[in-house]
ModelCIF file with pLDDT and N, C-alpha, C, O atoms, coordinates in Angstrom:
data_MODEL
#
_entry.id   MODEL 
#
_entity.id                         1 
_entity.type                       polymer 
_entity.pdbx_number_of_molecules   1 
#
_entity_poly.entity_id                      1 
_entity_poly.type                           'polypeptide(L)' 
_entity_poly.nstd_linkage                   no 
_entity_poly.nstd_monomer                   no 
_entity_poly.pdbx_seq_one_letter_code       AAEMPRRFYDARLGEYCSASESAPVFERIDAARLWLAECLRLAAQAAR 
_entity_poly.pdbx_seq_one_letter_code_can   AAEMPRRFYDARLGEYCSASESAPVFERIDAARLWLAECLRLAAQAAR 
_entity_poly.pdbx_strand_id                 A 
#
loop_
_entity_poly_seq.entity_id 
_entity_poly_seq.num 
_entity_poly_seq.mon_id 
_entity_poly_seq.hetero 
1 1  ALA n 
1 2  ALA n 
1 3  GLU n 
1 4  MET n 
1 5  PRO n 
1 6  ARG n 
1 7  ARG n 
1 8  PHE n 
1 9  TYR n 
1 10 ASP n 
1 11 ALA n 
1 12 ARG n 
1 13 LEU n 
1 14 GLY n 
1 15 GLU n 
1 16 TYR n 
1 17 CYS n 
1 18 SER n 
1 19 ALA n 
1 20 SER n 
1 21 GLU n 
1 22 SER n 
1 23 ALA n 
1 24 PRO n 
1 25 VAL n 
1 26 PHE n 
1 27 GLU n 
1 28 ARG n 
1 29 ILE n 
1 30 ASP n 
1 31 ALA n 
1 32 ALA n 
1 33 ARG n 
1 34 LEU n 
1 35 TRP n 
1 36 LEU n 
1 37 ALA n 
1 38 GLU n 
1 39 CYS n 
1 40 LEU n 
1 41 ARG n 
1 42 LEU n 
1 43 ALA n 
1 44 ALA n 
1 45 GLN n 
1 46 ALA n 
1 47 ALA n 
1 48 ARG n 
#
_struct_asym.id          A 
_struct_asym.entity_id   1 
#
loop_
_ma_qa_metric.id 
_ma_qa_metric.mode 
_ma_qa_metric.name 
_ma_qa_metric.software_group_id 
_ma_qa_metric.type 
1 global pLDDT . pLDDT 
2 local  pLDDT . pLDDT 
#
_ma_qa_metric_global.metric_id      1 
_ma_qa_metric_global.metric_value   91.15 
_ma_qa_metric_global.model_id       1 
_ma_qa_metric_global.ordinal_id     1 
#
loop_
_ma_qa_metric_local.label_asym_id 
_ma_qa_metric_local.label_comp_id 
_ma_qa_metric_local.label_seq_id 
_ma_qa_metric_local.metric_id 
_ma_qa_metric_local.metric_value 
_ma_qa_metric_local.model_id 
_ma_qa_metric_local.ordinal_id 
A ALA 1  2 88.00 1 1  
A ALA 2  2 85.00 1 2  
A GLU 3  2 87.00 1 3  
A MET 4  2 88.00 1 4  
A PRO 5  2 86.00 1 5  
A ARG 6  2 87.00 1 6  
A ARG 7  2 88.00 1 7  
A PHE 8  2 82.00 1 8  
A TYR 9  2 85.00 1 9  
A ASP 10 2 84.00 1 10 
A ALA 11 2 86.00 1 11 
A ARG 12 2 88.00 1 12 
A LEU 13 2 87.00 1 13 
A GLY 14 2 91.00 1 14 
A GLU 15 2 91.00 1 15 
A TYR 16 2 90.00 1 16 
A CYS 17 2 88.00 1 17 
A SER 18 2 89.00 1 18 
A ALA 19 2 87.00 1 19 
A SER 20 2 88.00 1 20 
A GLU 21 2 87.00 1 21 
A SER 22 2 88.00 1 22 
A ALA 23 2 89.00 1 23 
A PRO 24 2 91.00 1 24 
A VAL 25 2 89.00 1 25 
A PHE 26 2 91.00 1 26 
A GLU 27 2 93.00 1 27 
A ARG 28 2 94.00 1 28 
A ILE 29 2 94.00 1 29 
A ASP 30 2 95.00 1 30 
A ALA 31 2 96.00 1 31 
A ALA 32 2 96.00 1 32 
A ARG 33 2 96.00 1 33 
A LEU 34 2 96.00 1 34 
A TRP 35 2 95.00 1 35 
A LEU 36 2 96.00 1 36 
A ALA 37 2 97.00 1 37 
A GLU 38 2 96.00 1 38 
A CYS 39 2 95.00 1 39 
A LEU 40 2 96.00 1 40 
A ARG 41 2 96.00 1 41 
A LEU 42 2 96.00 1 42 
A ALA 43 2 96.00 1 43 
A ALA 44 2 95.00 1 44 
A GLN 45 2 95.00 1 45 
A ALA 46 2 95.00 1 46 
A ALA 47 2 94.00 1 47 
A ARG 48 2 93.00 1 48 
#
loop_
_atom_site.group_PDB 
_atom_site.id 
_atom_site.type_symbol 
_atom_site.label_atom_id 
_atom_site.label_alt_id 
_atom_site.label_comp_id 
_atom_site.label_asym_id 
_atom_site.label_entity_id 
_atom_site.label_seq_id 
_atom_site.pdbx_PDB_ins_code 
_atom_site.Cartn_x 
_atom_site.Cartn_y 
_atom_site.Cartn_z 
_atom_site.occupancy 
_atom_site.B_iso_or_equiv 
_atom_site.pdbx_formal_charge 
_atom_site.auth_seq_id 
_atom_site.auth_comp_id 
_atom_site.auth_asym_id 
_atom_site.auth_atom_id 
_atom_site.pdbx_PDB_model_num 
ATOM 1   N N  . ALA A 1 1  ? 1.493   -3.401 10.982  1.00 88.00 ? 1  ALA A N  1 
ATOM 2   C CA . ALA A 1 1  ? 0.059   -3.296 10.941  1.00 88.00 ? 1  ALA A CA 1 
ATOM 3   C C  . ALA A 1 1  ? -0.694  -4.360 11.650  1.00 88.00 ? 1  ALA A C  1 
ATOM 4   O O  . ALA A 1 1  ? -1.830  -4.158 12.079  1.00 88.00 ? 1  ALA A O  1 
ATOM 5   N N  . ALA A 1 2  ? -0.060  -5.519 11.782  1.00 85.00 ? 2  ALA A N  1 
ATOM 6   C CA . ALA A 1 2  ? -0.617  -6.622 12.622  1.00 85.00 ? 2  ALA A CA 1 
ATOM 7   C C  . ALA A 1 2  ? -0.685  -6.149 14.053  1.00 85.00 ? 2  ALA A C  1 
ATOM 8   O O  . ALA A 1 2  ? -1.623  -6.554 14.740  1.00 85.00 ? 2  ALA A O  1 
ATOM 9   N N  . GLU A 1 3  ? 0.229   -5.317 14.584  1.00 87.00 ? 3  GLU A N  1 
ATOM 10  C CA . GLU A 1 3  ? 0.179   -4.919 15.989  1.00 87.00 ? 3  GLU A CA 1 
ATOM 11  C C  . GLU A 1 3  ? -0.670  -3.608 16.060  1.00 87.00 ? 3  GLU A C  1 
ATOM 12  O O  . GLU A 1 3  ? -1.353  -3.405 17.064  1.00 87.00 ? 3  GLU A O  1 
ATOM 13  N N  . MET A 1 4  ? -0.649  -2.729 15.047  1.00 88.00 ? 4  MET A N  1 
ATOM 14  C CA . MET A 1 4  ? -1.280  -1.472 15.100  1.00 88.00 ? 4  MET A CA 1 
ATOM 15  C C  . MET A 1 4  ? -1.873  -1.256 13.814  1.00 88.00 ? 4  MET A C  1 
ATOM 16  O O  . MET A 1 4  ? -1.164  -0.981 12.846  1.00 88.00 ? 4  MET A O  1 
ATOM 17  N N  . PRO A 1 5  ? -3.188  -1.365 13.724  1.00 86.00 ? 5  PRO A N  1 
ATOM 18  C CA . PRO A 1 5  ? -3.735  -1.193 12.280  1.00 86.00 ? 5  PRO A CA 1 
ATOM 19  C C  . PRO A 1 5  ? -3.523  0.193  11.775  1.00 86.00 ? 5  PRO A C  1 
ATOM 20  O O  . PRO A 1 5  ? -3.588  1.172  12.517  1.00 86.00 ? 5  PRO A O  1 
ATOM 21  N N  . ARG A 1 6  ? -3.283  0.255  10.577  1.00 87.00 ? 6  ARG A N  1 
ATOM 22  C CA . ARG A 1 6  ? -3.090  1.524  9.841   1.00 87.00 ? 6  ARG A CA 1 
ATOM 23  C C  . ARG A 1 6  ? -4.395  2.108  9.571   1.00 87.00 ? 6  ARG A C  1 
ATOM 24  O O  . ARG A 1 6  ? -5.382  1.399  9.371   1.00 87.00 ? 6  ARG A O  1 
ATOM 25  N N  . ARG A 1 7  ? -4.431  3.428  9.559   1.00 88.00 ? 7  ARG A N  1 
ATOM 26  C CA . ARG A 1 7  ? -5.637  4.254  9.127   1.00 88.00 ? 7  ARG A CA 1 
ATOM 27  C C  . ARG A 1 7  ? -5.296  5.154  7.980   1.00 88.00 ? 7  ARG A C  1 
ATOM 28  O O  . ARG A 1 7  ? -4.277  5.846  7.999   1.00 88.00 ? 7  ARG A O  1 
ATOM 29  N N  . PHE A 1 8  ? -6.180  5.150  6.936   1.00 82.00 ? 8  PHE A N  1 
ATOM 30  C CA . PHE A 1 8  ? -5.959  5.882  5.730   1.00 82.00 ? 8  PHE A CA 1 
ATOM 31  C C  . PHE A 1 8  ? -6.614  7.307  6.010   1.00 82.00 ? 8  PHE A C  1 
ATOM 32  O O  . PHE A 1 8  ? -7.719  7.466  6.529   1.00 82.00 ? 8  PHE A O  1 
ATOM 33  N N  . TYR A 1 9  ? -5.775  8.295  5.594   1.00 85.00 ? 9  TYR A N  1 
ATOM 34  C CA . TYR A 1 9  ? -6.339  9.739  5.643   1.00 85.00 ? 9  TYR A CA 1 
ATOM 35  C C  . TYR A 1 9  ? -7.096  10.023 4.330   1.00 85.00 ? 9  TYR A C  1 
ATOM 36  O O  . TYR A 1 9  ? -6.553  9.911  3.232   1.00 85.00 ? 9  TYR A O  1 
ATOM 37  N N  . ASP A 1 10 ? -8.403  10.402 4.504   1.00 84.00 ? 10 ASP A N  1 
ATOM 38  C CA . ASP A 1 10 ? -9.149  10.767 3.288   1.00 84.00 ? 10 ASP A CA 1 
ATOM 39  C C  . ASP A 1 10 ? -9.281  12.280 3.310   1.00 84.00 ? 10 ASP A C  1 
ATOM 40  O O  . ASP A 1 10 ? -10.026 12.912 4.059   1.00 84.00 ? 10 ASP A O  1 
ATOM 41  N N  . ALA A 1 11 ? -8.383  12.829 2.303   1.00 86.00 ? 11 ALA A N  1 
ATOM 42  C CA . ALA A 1 11 ? -8.187  14.228 2.152   1.00 86.00 ? 11 ALA A CA 1 
ATOM 43  C C  . ALA A 1 11 ? -9.563  14.896 1.760   1.00 86.00 ? 11 ALA A C  1 
ATOM 44  O O  . ALA A 1 11 ? -9.770  16.067 2.078   1.00 86.00 ? 11 ALA A O  1 
ATOM 45  N N  . ARG A 1 12 ? -10.475 14.182 1.094   1.00 88.00 ? 12 ARG A N  1 
ATOM 46  C CA . ARG A 1 12 ? -11.788 14.738 0.667   1.00 88.00 ? 12 ARG A CA 1 
ATOM 47  C C  . ARG A 1 12 ? -12.613 15.071 1.986   1.00 88.00 ? 12 ARG A C  1 
ATOM 48  O O  . ARG A 1 12 ? -13.306 16.086 2.047   1.00 88.00 ? 12 ARG A O  1 
ATOM 49  N N  . LEU A 1 13 ? -12.520 14.286 2.904   1.00 87.00 ? 13 LEU A N  1 
ATOM 50  C CA . LEU A 1 13 ? -13.296 14.364 4.124   1.00 87.00 ? 13 LEU A CA 1 
ATOM 51  C C  . LEU A 1 13 ? -12.522 15.062 5.228   1.00 87.00 ? 13 LEU A C  1 
ATOM 52  O O  . LEU A 1 13 ? -13.093 15.558 6.199   1.00 87.00 ? 13 LEU A O  1 
ATOM 53  N N  . GLY A 1 14 ? -11.277 15.087 5.063   1.00 91.00 ? 14 GLY A N  1 
ATOM 54  C CA . GLY A 1 14 ? -10.385 15.853 5.955   1.00 91.00 ? 14 GLY A CA 1 
ATOM 55  C C  . GLY A 1 14 ? -10.219 15.011 7.468   1.00 91.00 ? 14 GLY A C  1 
ATOM 56  O O  . GLY A 1 14 ? -9.946  15.573 8.529   1.00 91.00 ? 14 GLY A O  1 
ATOM 57  N N  . GLU A 1 15 ? -10.412 13.786 7.326   1.00 91.00 ? 15 GLU A N  1 
ATOM 58  C CA . GLU A 1 15 ? -10.228 12.948 8.523   1.00 91.00 ? 15 GLU A CA 1 
ATOM 59  C C  . GLU A 1 15 ? -9.730  11.525 8.179   1.00 91.00 ? 15 GLU A C  1 
ATOM 60  O O  . GLU A 1 15 ? -9.711  11.125 7.015   1.00 91.00 ? 15 GLU A O  1 
ATOM 61  N N  . TYR A 1 16 ? -9.335  10.794 9.202   1.00 90.00 ? 16 TYR A N  1 
ATOM 62  C CA . TYR A 1 16 ? -8.931  9.443  8.969   1.00 90.00 ? 16 TYR A CA 1 
ATOM 63  C C  . TYR A 1 16 ? -10.068 8.434  8.920   1.00 90.00 ? 16 TYR A C  1 
ATOM 64  O O  . TYR A 1 16 ? -10.999 8.529  9.719   1.00 90.00 ? 16 TYR A O  1 
ATOM 65  N N  . CYS A 1 17 ? -10.021 7.526  8.060   1.00 88.00 ? 17 CYS A N  1 
ATOM 66  C CA . CYS A 1 17 ? -10.969 6.469  8.064   1.00 88.00 ? 17 CYS A CA 1 
ATOM 67  C C  . CYS A 1 17 ? -10.674 5.509  9.127   1.00 88.00 ? 17 CYS A C  1 
ATOM 68  O O  . CYS A 1 17 ? -9.571  5.488  9.673   1.00 88.00 ? 17 CYS A O  1 
ATOM 69  N N  . SER A 1 18 ? -11.732 4.624  9.471   1.00 89.00 ? 18 SER A N  1 
ATOM 70  C CA . SER A 1 18 ? -11.658 3.680  10.556  1.00 89.00 ? 18 SER A CA 1 
ATOM 71  C C  . SER A 1 18 ? -10.614 2.591  9.996   1.00 89.00 ? 18 SER A C  1 
ATOM 72  O O  . SER A 1 18 ? -10.366 2.456  8.798   1.00 89.00 ? 18 SER A O  1 
ATOM 73  N N  . ALA A 1 19 ? -10.091 1.901  10.937  1.00 87.00 ? 19 ALA A N  1 
ATOM 74  C CA . ALA A 1 19 ? -9.134  0.794  10.492  1.00 87.00 ? 19 ALA A CA 1 
ATOM 75  C C  . ALA A 1 19 ? -9.769  -0.215 9.586   1.00 87.00 ? 19 ALA A C  1 
ATOM 76  O O  . ALA A 1 19 ? -9.089  -0.723 8.694   1.00 87.00 ? 19 ALA A O  1 
ATOM 77  N N  . SER A 1 20 ? -11.056 -0.546 9.758   1.00 88.00 ? 20 SER A N  1 
ATOM 78  C CA . SER A 1 20 ? -11.670 -1.498 8.894   1.00 88.00 ? 20 SER A CA 1 
ATOM 79  C C  . SER A 1 20 ? -11.895 -0.946 7.457   1.00 88.00 ? 20 SER A C  1 
ATOM 80  O O  . SER A 1 20 ? -11.816 -1.670 6.464   1.00 88.00 ? 20 SER A O  1 
ATOM 81  N N  . GLU A 1 21 ? -12.167 0.318  7.413   1.00 87.00 ? 21 GLU A N  1 
ATOM 82  C CA . GLU A 1 21 ? -12.297 0.985  6.119   1.00 87.00 ? 21 GLU A CA 1 
ATOM 83  C C  . GLU A 1 21 ? -10.927 1.243  5.454   1.00 87.00 ? 21 GLU A C  1 
ATOM 84  O O  . GLU A 1 21 ? -10.859 1.365  4.231   1.00 87.00 ? 21 GLU A O  1 
ATOM 85  N N  . SER A 1 22 ? -9.901  1.321  6.196   1.00 88.00 ? 22 SER A N  1 
ATOM 86  C CA . SER A 1 22 ? -8.625  1.637  5.679   1.00 88.00 ? 22 SER A CA 1 
ATOM 87  C C  . SER A 1 22 ? -7.859  0.219  5.227   1.00 88.00 ? 22 SER A C  1 
ATOM 88  O O  . SER A 1 22 ? -6.942  0.236  4.406   1.00 88.00 ? 22 SER A O  1 
ATOM 89  N N  . ALA A 1 23 ? -8.295  -0.893 5.796   1.00 89.00 ? 23 ALA A N  1 
ATOM 90  C CA . ALA A 1 23 ? -7.597  -2.142 5.518   1.00 89.00 ? 23 ALA A CA 1 
ATOM 91  C C  . ALA A 1 23 ? -7.566  -2.477 4.018   1.00 89.00 ? 23 ALA A C  1 
ATOM 92  O O  . ALA A 1 23 ? -6.525  -2.910 3.524   1.00 89.00 ? 23 ALA A O  1 
ATOM 93  N N  . PRO A 1 24 ? -8.705  -2.287 3.254   1.00 91.00 ? 24 PRO A N  1 
ATOM 94  C CA . PRO A 1 24 ? -8.724  -2.692 1.825   1.00 91.00 ? 24 PRO A CA 1 
ATOM 95  C C  . PRO A 1 24 ? -7.741  -1.641 1.087   1.00 91.00 ? 24 PRO A C  1 
ATOM 96  O O  . PRO A 1 24 ? -6.987  -2.038 0.199   1.00 91.00 ? 24 PRO A O  1 
ATOM 97  N N  . VAL A 1 25 ? -7.772  -0.462 1.434   1.00 89.00 ? 25 VAL A N  1 
ATOM 98  C CA . VAL A 1 25 ? -6.901  0.529  0.754   1.00 89.00 ? 25 VAL A CA 1 
ATOM 99  C C  . VAL A 1 25 ? -5.365  0.141  0.976   1.00 89.00 ? 25 VAL A C  1 
ATOM 100 O O  . VAL A 1 25 ? -4.538  0.193  0.066   1.00 89.00 ? 25 VAL A O  1 
ATOM 101 N N  . PHE A 1 26 ? -5.090  -0.234 2.216   1.00 91.00 ? 26 PHE A N  1 
ATOM 102 C CA . PHE A 1 26 ? -3.602  -0.618 2.347   1.00 91.00 ? 26 PHE A CA 1 
ATOM 103 C C  . PHE A 1 26 ? -3.296  -1.984 1.783   1.00 91.00 ? 26 PHE A C  1 
ATOM 104 O O  . PHE A 1 26 ? -2.145  -2.312 1.493   1.00 91.00 ? 26 PHE A O  1 
ATOM 105 N N  . GLU A 1 27 ? -4.340  -2.775 1.631   1.00 93.00 ? 27 GLU A N  1 
ATOM 106 C CA . GLU A 1 27 ? -3.930  -4.073 0.958   1.00 93.00 ? 27 GLU A CA 1 
ATOM 107 C C  . GLU A 1 27 ? -3.656  -3.842 -0.546  1.00 93.00 ? 27 GLU A C  1 
ATOM 108 O O  . GLU A 1 27 ? -2.871  -4.533 -1.195  1.00 93.00 ? 27 GLU A O  1 
ATOM 109 N N  . ARG A 1 28 ? -4.330  -2.871 -1.011  1.00 94.00 ? 28 ARG A N  1 
ATOM 110 C CA . ARG A 1 28 ? -4.128  -2.491 -2.464  1.00 94.00 ? 28 ARG A CA 1 
ATOM 111 C C  . ARG A 1 28 ? -2.723  -1.810 -2.562  1.00 94.00 ? 28 ARG A C  1 
ATOM 112 O O  . ARG A 1 28 ? -1.974  -2.150 -3.478  1.00 94.00 ? 28 ARG A O  1 
ATOM 113 N N  . ILE A 1 29 ? -2.355  -0.913 -1.704  1.00 94.00 ? 29 ILE A N  1 
ATOM 114 C CA . ILE A 1 29 ? -1.109  -0.274 -1.633  1.00 94.00 ? 29 ILE A CA 1 
ATOM 115 C C  . ILE A 1 29 ? -0.055  -1.296 -1.542  1.00 94.00 ? 29 ILE A C  1 
ATOM 116 O O  . ILE A 1 29 ? 0.816   -1.377 -2.408  1.00 94.00 ? 29 ILE A O  1 
ATOM 117 N N  . ASP A 1 30 ? -0.105  -2.102 -0.493  1.00 95.00 ? 30 ASP A N  1 
ATOM 118 C CA . ASP A 1 30 ? 0.937   -3.028 -0.269  1.00 95.00 ? 30 ASP A CA 1 
ATOM 119 C C  . ASP A 1 30 ? 1.189   -3.945 -1.564  1.00 95.00 ? 30 ASP A C  1 
ATOM 120 O O  . ASP A 1 30 ? 2.329   -4.188 -1.961  1.00 95.00 ? 30 ASP A O  1 
ATOM 121 N N  . ALA A 1 31 ? 0.152   -4.382 -2.124  1.00 96.00 ? 31 ALA A N  1 
ATOM 122 C CA . ALA A 1 31 ? 0.165   -5.338 -3.268  1.00 96.00 ? 31 ALA A CA 1 
ATOM 123 C C  . ALA A 1 31 ? 0.790   -4.495 -4.487  1.00 96.00 ? 31 ALA A C  1 
ATOM 124 O O  . ALA A 1 31 ? 1.535   -5.035 -5.305  1.00 96.00 ? 31 ALA A O  1 
ATOM 125 N N  . ALA A 1 32 ? 0.465   -3.235 -4.552  1.00 96.00 ? 32 ALA A N  1 
ATOM 126 C CA . ALA A 1 32 ? 1.025   -2.422 -5.748  1.00 96.00 ? 32 ALA A CA 1 
ATOM 127 C C  . ALA A 1 32 ? 2.560   -2.263 -5.503  1.00 96.00 ? 32 ALA A C  1 
ATOM 128 O O  . ALA A 1 32 ? 3.386   -2.417 -6.402  1.00 96.00 ? 32 ALA A O  1 
ATOM 129 N N  . ARG A 1 33 ? 2.845   -1.972 -4.339  1.00 96.00 ? 33 ARG A N  1 
ATOM 130 C CA . ARG A 1 33 ? 4.327   -1.743 -3.894  1.00 96.00 ? 33 ARG A CA 1 
ATOM 131 C C  . ARG A 1 33 ? 5.179   -3.084 -4.207  1.00 96.00 ? 33 ARG A C  1 
ATOM 132 O O  . ARG A 1 33 ? 6.271   -3.046 -4.773  1.00 96.00 ? 33 ARG A O  1 
ATOM 133 N N  . LEU A 1 34 ? 4.599   -4.180 -3.805  1.00 96.00 ? 34 LEU A N  1 
ATOM 134 C CA . LEU A 1 34 ? 5.290   -5.515 -3.975  1.00 96.00 ? 34 LEU A CA 1 
ATOM 135 C C  . LEU A 1 34 ? 5.394   -5.779 -5.486  1.00 96.00 ? 34 LEU A C  1 
ATOM 136 O O  . LEU A 1 34 ? 6.418   -6.280 -5.950  1.00 96.00 ? 34 LEU A O  1 
ATOM 137 N N  . TRP A 1 35 ? 4.388   -5.459 -6.227  1.00 95.00 ? 35 TRP A N  1 
ATOM 138 C CA . TRP A 1 35 ? 4.402   -5.593 -7.726  1.00 95.00 ? 35 TRP A CA 1 
ATOM 139 C C  . TRP A 1 35 ? 5.472   -4.750 -8.218  1.00 95.00 ? 35 TRP A C  1 
ATOM 140 O O  . TRP A 1 35 ? 6.281   -5.224 -9.016  1.00 95.00 ? 35 TRP A O  1 
ATOM 141 N N  . LEU A 1 36 ? 5.564   -3.543 -7.824  1.00 96.00 ? 36 LEU A N  1 
ATOM 142 C CA . LEU A 1 36 ? 6.669   -2.605 -8.317  1.00 96.00 ? 36 LEU A CA 1 
ATOM 143 C C  . LEU A 1 36 ? 7.995   -3.107 -8.022  1.00 96.00 ? 36 LEU A C  1 
ATOM 144 O O  . LEU A 1 36 ? 8.888   -3.021 -8.866  1.00 96.00 ? 36 LEU A O  1 
ATOM 145 N N  . ALA A 1 37 ? 8.197   -3.657 -6.811  1.00 97.00 ? 37 ALA A N  1 
ATOM 146 C CA . ALA A 1 37 ? 9.513   -4.221 -6.386  1.00 97.00 ? 37 ALA A CA 1 
ATOM 147 C C  . ALA A 1 37 ? 9.884   -5.313 -7.304  1.00 97.00 ? 37 ALA A C  1 
ATOM 148 O O  . ALA A 1 37 ? 11.035  -5.384 -7.737  1.00 97.00 ? 37 ALA A O  1 
ATOM 149 N N  . GLU A 1 38 ? 8.956   -6.187 -7.634  1.00 96.00 ? 38 GLU A N  1 
ATOM 150 C CA . GLU A 1 38 ? 9.291   -7.341 -8.526  1.00 96.00 ? 38 GLU A CA 1 
ATOM 151 C C  . GLU A 1 38 ? 9.508   -6.819 -9.806  1.00 96.00 ? 38 GLU A C  1 
ATOM 152 O O  . GLU A 1 38 ? 10.469  -7.286 -10.417 1.00 96.00 ? 38 GLU A O  1 
ATOM 153 N N  . CYS A 1 39 ? 8.798   -5.913 -10.378 1.00 95.00 ? 39 CYS A N  1 
ATOM 154 C CA . CYS A 1 39 ? 9.045   -5.285 -11.665 1.00 95.00 ? 39 CYS A CA 1 
ATOM 155 C C  . CYS A 1 39 ? 10.443  -4.726 -11.733 1.00 95.00 ? 39 CYS A C  1 
ATOM 156 O O  . CYS A 1 39 ? 11.154  -5.009 -12.698 1.00 95.00 ? 39 CYS A O  1 
ATOM 157 N N  . LEU A 1 40 ? 10.870  -3.961 -10.780 1.00 96.00 ? 40 LEU A N  1 
ATOM 158 C CA . LEU A 1 40 ? 12.238  -3.341 -10.705 1.00 96.00 ? 40 LEU A CA 1 
ATOM 159 C C  . LEU A 1 40 ? 13.268  -4.505 -10.661 1.00 96.00 ? 40 LEU A C  1 
ATOM 160 O O  . LEU A 1 40 ? 14.330  -4.370 -11.268 1.00 96.00 ? 40 LEU A O  1 
ATOM 161 N N  . ARG A 1 41 ? 13.016  -5.571 -10.010 1.00 96.00 ? 41 ARG A N  1 
ATOM 162 C CA . ARG A 1 41 ? 13.966  -6.653 -9.904  1.00 96.00 ? 41 ARG A CA 1 
ATOM 163 C C  . ARG A 1 41 ? 14.240  -7.250 -11.225 1.00 96.00 ? 41 ARG A C  1 
ATOM 164 O O  . ARG A 1 41 ? 15.363  -7.433 -11.695 1.00 96.00 ? 41 ARG A O  1 
ATOM 165 N N  . LEU A 1 42 ? 13.058  -7.553 -11.809 1.00 96.00 ? 42 LEU A N  1 
ATOM 166 C CA . LEU A 1 42 ? 13.241  -8.172 -13.195 1.00 96.00 ? 42 LEU A CA 1 
ATOM 167 C C  . LEU A 1 42 ? 13.760  -7.082 -14.242 1.00 96.00 ? 42 LEU A C  1 
ATOM 168 O O  . LEU A 1 42 ? 14.411  -7.453 -15.218 1.00 96.00 ? 42 LEU A O  1 
ATOM 169 N N  . ALA A 1 43 ? 13.504  -5.906 -14.057 1.00 96.00 ? 43 ALA A N  1 
ATOM 170 C CA . ALA A 1 43 ? 14.124  -4.778 -14.940 1.00 96.00 ? 43 ALA A CA 1 
ATOM 171 C C  . ALA A 1 43 ? 15.554  -4.708 -14.747 1.00 96.00 ? 43 ALA A C  1 
ATOM 172 O O  . ALA A 1 43 ? 16.308  -4.468 -15.690 1.00 96.00 ? 43 ALA A O  1 
ATOM 173 N N  . ALA A 1 44 ? 15.988  -4.921 -13.490 1.00 95.00 ? 44 ALA A N  1 
ATOM 174 C CA . ALA A 1 44 ? 17.408  -4.865 -13.104 1.00 95.00 ? 44 ALA A CA 1 
ATOM 175 C C  . ALA A 1 44 ? 18.072  -6.087 -13.914 1.00 95.00 ? 44 ALA A C  1 
ATOM 176 O O  . ALA A 1 44 ? 19.064  -5.937 -14.628 1.00 95.00 ? 44 ALA A O  1 
ATOM 177 N N  . GLN A 1 45 ? 17.499  -7.149 -13.748 1.00 95.00 ? 45 GLN A N  1 
ATOM 178 C CA . GLN A 1 45 ? 18.090  -8.313 -14.499 1.00 95.00 ? 45 GLN A CA 1 
ATOM 179 C C  . GLN A 1 45 ? 18.309  -8.140 -15.980 1.00 95.00 ? 45 GLN A C  1 
ATOM 180 O O  . GLN A 1 45 ? 19.303  -8.540 -16.586 1.00 95.00 ? 45 GLN A O  1 
ATOM 181 N N  . ALA A 1 46 ? 17.188  -7.447 -16.548 1.00 95.00 ? 46 ALA A N  1 
ATOM 182 C CA . ALA A 1 46 ? 17.310  -7.211 -18.007 1.00 95.00 ? 46 ALA A CA 1 
ATOM 183 C C  . ALA A 1 46 ? 18.375  -6.136 -18.267 1.00 95.00 ? 46 ALA A C  1 
ATOM 184 O O  . ALA A 1 46 ? 19.155  -6.222 -19.216 1.00 95.00 ? 46 ALA A O  1 
ATOM 185 N N  . ALA A 1 47 ? 18.378  -5.190 -17.450 1.00 94.00 ? 47 ALA A N  1 
ATOM 186 C CA . ALA A 1 47 ? 19.306  -4.116 -17.584 1.00 94.00 ? 47 ALA A CA 1 
ATOM 187 C C  . ALA A 1 47 ? 20.756  -4.594 -17.461 1.00 94.00 ? 47 ALA A C  1 
ATOM 188 O O  . ALA A 1 47 ? 21.634  -4.133 -18.190 1.00 94.00 ? 47 ALA A O  1 
ATOM 189 N N  . ARG A 1 48 ? 20.995  -5.524 -16.531 1.00 93.00 ? 48 ARG A N  1 
ATOM 190 C CA . ARG A 1 48 ? 22.382  -6.003 -16.349 1.00 93.00 ? 48 ARG A CA 1 
ATOM 191 C C  . ARG A 1 48 ? 22.751  -6.800 -17.622 1.00 93.00 ? 48 ARG A C  1 
ATOM 192 O O  . ARG A 1 48 ? 23.865  -7.313 -17.729 1.00 93.00 ? 48 ARG A O  1 
#
């Protein structure tokens, strides 16, 4: 994304949002995915 900004598709509008409108959405998505990865890592330790 640092090389080519990501654009979020808004299904309600049927079009892609601008890169500046999309950035906050992807920040939330990225943070949520990293949160999930850490949760799974800790769950794996507990499961082991």
